[in-house]
Amino acid sequence: MTAKEINELSLSEITTKLRETRELLLQLRLRKQTGQVEKPHLLRSYRKDIARLETVLTAKKKTSAVAA
């Protein structure tokens, strides 16, 4: 998911997407511990997606706080 796509989402959609991505990362980490991961590159991808989501969420919250 790119930053441009994330910027187009609303605050509630970003929060939902963040929760889903964290859940996917948790499941992937658990599978990695048992040796069942077929695509280990997804760990890094999910971490980066979470960082992007957090960054945009923080920026949008600051923007809405200044506007209010």
PDB file of N, CA and C in Angstrom:
ATOM      1  N   MET A   1       0.840  -1.162   0.000  1.00  0.00           N
ATOM      2  CA  MET A   1       0.000   0.000   0.000  1.00  0.00           C
ATOM      3  C   MET A   1       0.897   1.241   0.000  1.00  0.00           C
ATOM      4  N   THR A   2       0.644   2.142  -0.926  1.00  0.00           N
ATOM      5  CA  THR A   2       1.479   3.325  -1.045  1.00  0.00           C
ATOM      6  C   THR A   2       0.956   4.465  -0.173  1.00  0.00           C
ATOM      7  N   ALA A   3       1.808   5.443   0.068  1.00  0.00           N
ATOM      8  CA  ALA A   3       1.426   6.593   0.880  1.00  0.00           C
ATOM      9  C   ALA A   3       0.300   7.372   0.206  1.00  0.00           C
ATOM     10  N   LYS A   4       0.317   7.424  -1.110  1.00  0.00           N
ATOM     11  CA  LYS A   4      -0.733   8.136  -1.844  1.00  0.00           C
ATOM     12  C   LYS A   4      -2.092   7.478  -1.610  1.00  0.00           C
ATOM     13  N   GLU A   5      -2.140   6.156  -1.636  1.00  0.00           N
ATOM     14  CA  GLU A   5      -3.384   5.435  -1.378  1.00  0.00           C
ATOM     15  C   GLU A   5      -3.865   5.672   0.048  1.00  0.00           C
ATOM     16  N   ILE A   6      -2.933   5.702   0.982  1.00  0.00           N
ATOM     17  CA  ILE A   6      -3.281   5.892   2.385  1.00  0.00           C
ATOM     18  C   ILE A   6      -3.816   7.302   2.618  1.00  0.00           C
ATOM     19  N   ASN A   7      -3.234   8.300   1.955  1.00  0.00           N
ATOM     20  CA  ASN A   7      -3.687   9.677   2.105  1.00  0.00           C
ATOM     21  C   ASN A   7      -5.134   9.865   1.674  1.00  0.00           C
ATOM     22  N   GLU A   8      -5.599   9.059   0.761  1.00  0.00           N
ATOM     23  CA  GLU A   8      -6.960   9.167   0.257  1.00  0.00           C
ATOM     24  C   GLU A   8      -7.990   8.562   1.212  1.00  0.00           C
ATOM     25  N   LEU A   9      -7.547   7.805   2.212  1.00  0.00           N
ATOM     26  CA  LEU A   9      -8.458   7.167   3.153  1.00  0.00           C
ATOM     27  C   LEU A   9      -8.866   8.134   4.260  1.00  0.00           C
ATOM     28  N   SER A  10     -10.021   7.859   4.865  1.00  0.00           N
ATOM     29  CA  SER A  10     -10.463   8.667   6.002  1.00  0.00           C
ATOM     30  C   SER A  10      -9.801   8.137   7.277  1.00  0.00           C
ATOM     31  N   LEU A  11      -9.973   8.882   8.378  1.00  0.00           N
ATOM     32  CA  LEU A  11      -9.363   8.471   9.650  1.00  0.00           C
ATOM     33  C   LEU A  11      -9.855   7.103  10.099  1.00  0.00           C
ATOM     34  N   SER A  12     -11.146   6.864   9.978  1.00  0.00           N
ATOM     35  CA  SER A  12     -11.688   5.568  10.418  1.00  0.00           C
ATOM     36  C   SER A  12     -11.184   4.428   9.542  1.00  0.00           C
ATOM     37  N   GLU A  13     -11.051   4.677   8.238  1.00  0.00           N
ATOM     38  CA  GLU A  13     -10.542   3.646   7.333  1.00  0.00           C
ATOM     39  C   GLU A  13      -9.078   3.342   7.627  1.00  0.00           C
ATOM     40  N   ILE A  14      -8.309   4.385   7.938  1.00  0.00           N
ATOM     41  CA  ILE A  14      -6.899   4.181   8.272  1.00  0.00           C
ATOM     42  C   ILE A  14      -6.773   3.360   9.547  1.00  0.00           C
ATOM     43  N   THR A  15      -7.594   3.681  10.542  1.00  0.00           N
ATOM     44  CA  THR A  15      -7.566   2.943  11.807  1.00  0.00           C
ATOM     45  C   THR A  15      -7.922   1.478  11.591  1.00  0.00           C
ATOM     46  N   THR A  16      -8.922   1.222  10.778  1.00  0.00           N
ATOM     47  CA  THR A  16      -9.328  -0.152  10.481  1.00  0.00           C
ATOM     48  C   THR A  16      -8.218  -0.893   9.747  1.00  0.00           C
ATOM     49  N   LYS A  17      -7.633  -0.241   8.754  1.00  0.00           N
ATOM     50  CA  LYS A  17      -6.552  -0.856   7.979  1.00  0.00           C
ATOM     51  C   LYS A  17      -5.337  -1.137   8.869  1.00  0.00           C
ATOM     52  N   LEU A  18      -5.064  -0.223   9.802  1.00  0.00           N
ATOM     53  CA  LEU A  18      -3.951  -0.397  10.727  1.00  0.00           C
ATOM     54  C   LEU A  18      -4.177  -1.624  11.610  1.00  0.00           C
ATOM     55  N   ARG A  19      -5.379  -1.773  12.114  1.00  0.00           N
ATOM     56  CA  ARG A  19      -5.713  -2.923  12.958  1.00  0.00           C
ATOM     57  C   ARG A  19      -5.573  -4.228  12.177  1.00  0.00           C
ATOM     58  N   GLU A  20      -6.062  -4.231  10.933  1.00  0.00           N
ATOM     59  CA  GLU A  20      -5.981  -5.440  10.107  1.00  0.00           C
ATOM     60  C   GLU A  20      -4.529  -5.809   9.797  1.00  0.00           C
ATOM     61  N   THR A  21      -3.726  -4.804   9.487  1.00  0.00           N
ATOM     62  CA  THR A  21      -2.326  -5.066   9.142  1.00  0.00           C
ATOM     63  C   THR A  21      -1.556  -5.577  10.348  1.00  0.00           C
ATOM     64  N   ARG A  22      -1.829  -5.012  11.511  1.00  0.00           N
ATOM     65  CA  ARG A  22      -1.172  -5.511  12.735  1.00  0.00           C
ATOM     66  C   ARG A  22      -1.560  -6.955  13.016  1.00  0.00           C
ATOM     67  N   GLU A  23      -2.816  -7.296  12.768  1.00  0.00           N
ATOM     68  CA  GLU A  23      -3.265  -8.671  12.978  1.00  0.00           C
ATOM     69  C   GLU A  23      -2.560  -9.616  12.002  1.00  0.00           C
ATOM     70  N   LEU A  24      -2.431  -9.197  10.746  1.00  0.00           N
ATOM     71  CA  LEU A  24      -1.720 -10.016   9.757  1.00  0.00           C
ATOM     72  C   LEU A  24      -0.256 -10.209  10.147  1.00  0.00           C
ATOM     73  N   LEU A  25       0.369  -9.149  10.635  1.00  0.00           N
ATOM     74  CA  LEU A  25       1.769  -9.243  11.063  1.00  0.00           C
ATOM     75  C   LEU A  25       1.906 -10.210  12.235  1.00  0.00           C
ATOM     76  N   LEU A  26       1.001 -10.140  13.181  1.00  0.00           N
ATOM     77  CA  LEU A  26       1.038 -11.045  14.324  1.00  0.00           C
ATOM     78  C   LEU A  26       0.909 -12.497  13.872  1.00  0.00           C
ATOM     79  N   GLN A  27      -0.051 -12.764  12.992  1.00  0.00           N
ATOM     80  CA  GLN A  27      -0.235 -14.125  12.497  1.00  0.00           C
ATOM     81  C   GLN A  27       1.004 -14.620  11.750  1.00  0.00           C
ATOM     82  N   LEU A  28       1.605 -13.735  10.974  1.00  0.00           N
ATOM     83  CA  LEU A  28       2.796 -14.120  10.221  1.00  0.00           C
ATOM     84  C   LEU A  28       3.971 -14.401  11.148  1.00  0.00           C
ATOM     85  N   ARG A  29       4.105 -13.607  12.203  1.00  0.00           N
ATOM     86  CA  ARG A  29       5.176 -13.848  13.176  1.00  0.00           C
ATOM     87  C   ARG A  29       4.988 -15.185  13.888  1.00  0.00           C
ATOM     88  N   LEU A  30       3.752 -15.498  14.229  1.00  0.00           N
ATOM     89  CA  LEU A  30       3.481 -16.779  14.886  1.00  0.00           C
ATOM     90  C   LEU A  30       3.805 -17.944  13.958  1.00  0.00           C
ATOM     91  N   ARG A  31       3.426 -17.811  12.677  1.00  0.00           N
ATOM     92  CA  ARG A  31       3.755 -18.869  11.719  1.00  0.00           C
ATOM     93  C   ARG A  31       5.257 -18.980  11.497  1.00  0.00           C
ATOM     94  N   LYS A  32       5.961 -17.853  11.580  1.00  0.00           N
ATOM     95  CA  LYS A  32       7.417 -17.882  11.406  1.00  0.00           C
ATOM     96  C   LYS A  32       8.064 -18.679  12.533  1.00  0.00           C
ATOM     97  N   GLN A  33       7.553 -18.531  13.734  1.00  0.00           N
ATOM     98  CA  GLN A  33       8.105 -19.263  14.878  1.00  0.00           C
ATOM     99  C   GLN A  33       7.939 -20.768  14.730  1.00  0.00           C
ATOM    100  N   THR A  34       6.880 -21.181  14.059  1.00  0.00           N
ATOM    101  CA  THR A  34       6.662 -22.615  13.862  1.00  0.00           C
ATOM    102  C   THR A  34       7.265 -23.109  12.552  1.00  0.00           C
ATOM    103  N   GLY A  35       7.879 -22.195  11.791  1.00  0.00           N
ATOM    104  CA  GLY A  35       8.546 -22.594  10.554  1.00  0.00           C
ATOM    105  C   GLY A  35       7.618 -22.803   9.389  1.00  0.00           C
ATOM    106  N   GLN A  36       6.453 -22.154   9.384  1.00  0.00           N
ATOM    107  CA  GLN A  36       5.469 -22.362   8.331  1.00  0.00           C
ATOM    108  C   GLN A  36       5.335 -21.170   7.390  1.00  0.00           C
ATOM    109  N   VAL A  37       6.303 -20.273   7.387  1.00  0.00           N
ATOM    110  CA  VAL A  37       6.212 -19.083   6.546  1.00  0.00           C
ATOM    111  C   VAL A  37       6.741 -19.394   5.155  1.00  0.00           C
ATOM    112  N   GLU A  38       5.901 -19.135   4.143  1.00  0.00           N
ATOM    113  CA  GLU A  38       6.310 -19.344   2.764  1.00  0.00           C
ATOM    114  C   GLU A  38       6.860 -18.063   2.155  1.00  0.00           C
ATOM    115  N   LYS A  39       6.407 -16.911   2.676  1.00  0.00           N
ATOM    116  CA  LYS A  39       6.808 -15.619   2.127  1.00  0.00           C
ATOM    117  C   LYS A  39       7.339 -14.722   3.244  1.00  0.00           C
ATOM    118  N   PRO A  40       8.571 -14.915   3.653  1.00  0.00           N
ATOM    119  CA  PRO A  40       9.113 -14.128   4.760  1.00  0.00           C
ATOM    120  C   PRO A  40       9.266 -12.644   4.445  1.00  0.00           C
ATOM    121  N   HIS A  41       9.278 -12.276   3.168  1.00  0.00           N
ATOM    122  CA  HIS A  41       9.400 -10.868   2.809  1.00  0.00           C
ATOM    123  C   HIS A  41       8.172 -10.061   3.227  1.00  0.00           C
ATOM    124  N   LEU A  42       7.068 -10.743   3.501  1.00  0.00           N
ATOM    125  CA  LEU A  42       5.854 -10.043   3.920  1.00  0.00           C
ATOM    126  C   LEU A  42       6.005  -9.409   5.302  1.00  0.00           C
ATOM    127  N   LEU A  43       6.881  -9.966   6.141  1.00  0.00           N
ATOM    128  CA  LEU A  43       7.112  -9.373   7.461  1.00  0.00           C
ATOM    129  C   LEU A  43       7.563  -7.927   7.318  1.00  0.00           C
ATOM    130  N   ARG A  44       8.545  -7.717   6.487  1.00  0.00           N
ATOM    131  CA  ARG A  44       9.068  -6.362   6.277  1.00  0.00           C
ATOM    132  C   ARG A  44       8.012  -5.467   5.631  1.00  0.00           C
ATOM    133  N   SER A  45       7.290  -6.019   4.682  1.00  0.00           N
ATOM    134  CA  SER A  45       6.263  -5.257   3.981  1.00  0.00           C
ATOM    135  C   SER A  45       5.168  -4.781   4.940  1.00  0.00           C
ATOM    136  N   TYR A  46       4.713  -5.671   5.818  1.00  0.00           N
ATOM    137  CA  TYR A  46       3.673  -5.304   6.790  1.00  0.00           C
ATOM    138  C   TYR A  46       4.182  -4.257   7.771  1.00  0.00           C
ATOM    139  N   ARG A  47       5.439  -4.387   8.214  1.00  0.00           N
ATOM    140  CA  ARG A  47       5.997  -3.395   9.136  1.00  0.00           C
ATOM    141  C   ARG A  47       6.035  -2.016   8.483  1.00  0.00           C
ATOM    142  N   LYS A  48       6.422  -1.981   7.222  1.00  0.00           N
ATOM    143  CA  LYS A  48       6.485  -0.704   6.506  1.00  0.00           C
ATOM    144  C   LYS A  48       5.089  -0.124   6.291  1.00  0.00           C
ATOM    145  N   ASP A  49       4.122  -0.974   6.001  1.00  0.00           N
ATOM    146  CA  ASP A  49       2.744  -0.506   5.842  1.00  0.00           C
ATOM    147  C   ASP A  49       2.218   0.094   7.145  1.00  0.00           C
ATOM    148  N   ILE A  50       2.533  -0.560   8.256  1.00  0.00           N
ATOM    149  CA  ILE A  50       2.109  -0.051   9.560  1.00  0.00           C
ATOM    150  C   ILE A  50       2.733   1.315   9.811  1.00  0.00           C
ATOM    151  N   ALA A  51       4.003   1.470   9.488  1.00  0.00           N
ATOM    152  CA  ALA A  51       4.678   2.754   9.678  1.00  0.00           C
ATOM    153  C   ALA A  51       4.034   3.839   8.812  1.00  0.00           C
ATOM    154  N   ARG A  52       3.726   3.508   7.579  1.00  0.00           N
ATOM    155  CA  ARG A  52       3.074   4.482   6.699  1.00  0.00           C
ATOM    156  C   ARG A  52       1.701   4.882   7.242  1.00  0.00           C
ATOM    157  N   LEU A  53       0.938   3.884   7.677  1.00  0.00           N
ATOM    158  CA  LEU A  53      -0.392   4.157   8.217  1.00  0.00           C
ATOM    159  C   LEU A  53      -0.308   5.046   9.460  1.00  0.00           C
ATOM    160  N   GLU A  54       0.621   4.741  10.339  1.00  0.00           N
ATOM    161  CA  GLU A  54       0.798   5.541  11.557  1.00  0.00           C
ATOM    162  C   GLU A  54       1.187   6.977  11.221  1.00  0.00           C
ATOM    163  N   THR A  55       2.074   7.148  10.266  1.00  0.00           N
ATOM    164  CA  THR A  55       2.539   8.478   9.882  1.00  0.00           C
ATOM    165  C   THR A  55       1.388   9.322   9.329  1.00  0.00           C
ATOM    166  N   VAL A  56       0.621   8.763   8.427  1.00  0.00           N
ATOM    167  CA  VAL A  56      -0.492   9.497   7.828  1.00  0.00           C
ATOM    168  C   VAL A  56      -1.574   9.761   8.875  1.00  0.00           C
ATOM    169  N   LEU A  57      -1.818   8.790   9.741  1.00  0.00           N
ATOM    170  CA  LEU A  57      -2.825   8.963  10.794  1.00  0.00           C
ATOM    171  C   LEU A  57      -2.444  10.111  11.717  1.00  0.00           C
ATOM    172  N   THR A  58      -1.206  10.168  12.128  1.00  0.00           N
ATOM    173  CA  THR A  58      -0.729  11.247  12.994  1.00  0.00           C
ATOM    174  C   THR A  58      -0.843  12.600  12.297  1.00  0.00           C
ATOM    175  N   ALA A  59      -0.463  12.664  11.035  1.00  0.00           N
ATOM    176  CA  ALA A  59      -0.539  13.917  10.273  1.00  0.00           C
ATOM    177  C   ALA A  59      -1.978  14.386  10.142  1.00  0.00           C
ATOM    178  N   LYS A  60      -2.889  13.464   9.866  1.00  0.00           N
ATOM    179  CA  LYS A  60      -4.297  13.841   9.717  1.00  0.00           C
ATOM    180  C   LYS A  60      -4.893  14.296  11.041  1.00  0.00           C
ATOM    181  N   LYS A  61      -4.501  13.655  12.135  1.00  0.00           N
ATOM    182  CA  LYS A  61      -4.991  14.066  13.450  1.00  0.00           C
ATOM    183  C   LYS A  61      -4.507  15.473  13.790  1.00  0.00           C
ATOM    184  N   LYS A  62      -3.245  15.756  13.481  1.00  0.00           N
ATOM    185  CA  LYS A  62      -2.697  17.092  13.742  1.00  0.00           C
ATOM    186  C   LYS A  62      -3.415  18.143  12.904  1.00  0.00           C
ATOM    187  N   THR A  63      -3.679  17.803  11.648  1.00  0.00           N
ATOM    188  CA  THR A  63      -4.372  18.733  10.749  1.00  0.00           C
ATOM    189  C   THR A  63      -5.789  19.019  11.246  1.00  0.00           C
ATOM    190  N   SER A  64      -6.482  17.988  11.689  1.00  0.00           N
ATOM    191  CA  SER A  64      -7.845  18.190  12.179  1.00  0.00           C
ATOM    192  C   SER A  64      -7.858  18.936  13.518  1.00  0.00           C
ATOM    193  N   ALA A  65      -6.819  18.765  14.336  1.00  0.00           N
ATOM    194  CA  ALA A  65      -6.742  19.471  15.604  1.00  0.00           C
ATOM    195  C   ALA A  65      -6.466  20.958  15.380  1.00  0.00           C
ATOM    196  N   VAL A  66      -5.655  21.293  14.398  1.00  0.00           N
ATOM    197  CA  VAL A  66      -5.346  22.686  14.082  1.00  0.00           C
ATOM    198  C   VAL A  66      -6.573  23.370  13.484  1.00  0.00           C
ATOM    199  N   ALA A  67      -7.307  22.645  12.660  1.00  0.00           N
ATOM    200  CA  ALA A  67      -8.488  23.216  12.001  1.00  0.00           C
ATOM    201  C   ALA A  67      -9.623  23.448  12.999  1.00  0.00           C
ATOM    202  N   ALA A  68      -9.661  22.682  14.065  1.00  0.00           N
ATOM    203  CA  ALA A  68     -10.766  22.797  15.021  1.00  0.00           C
ATOM    204  C   ALA A  68     -10.592  23.894  16.014  1.00  0.00           C
TER     205      ALA A  68
END
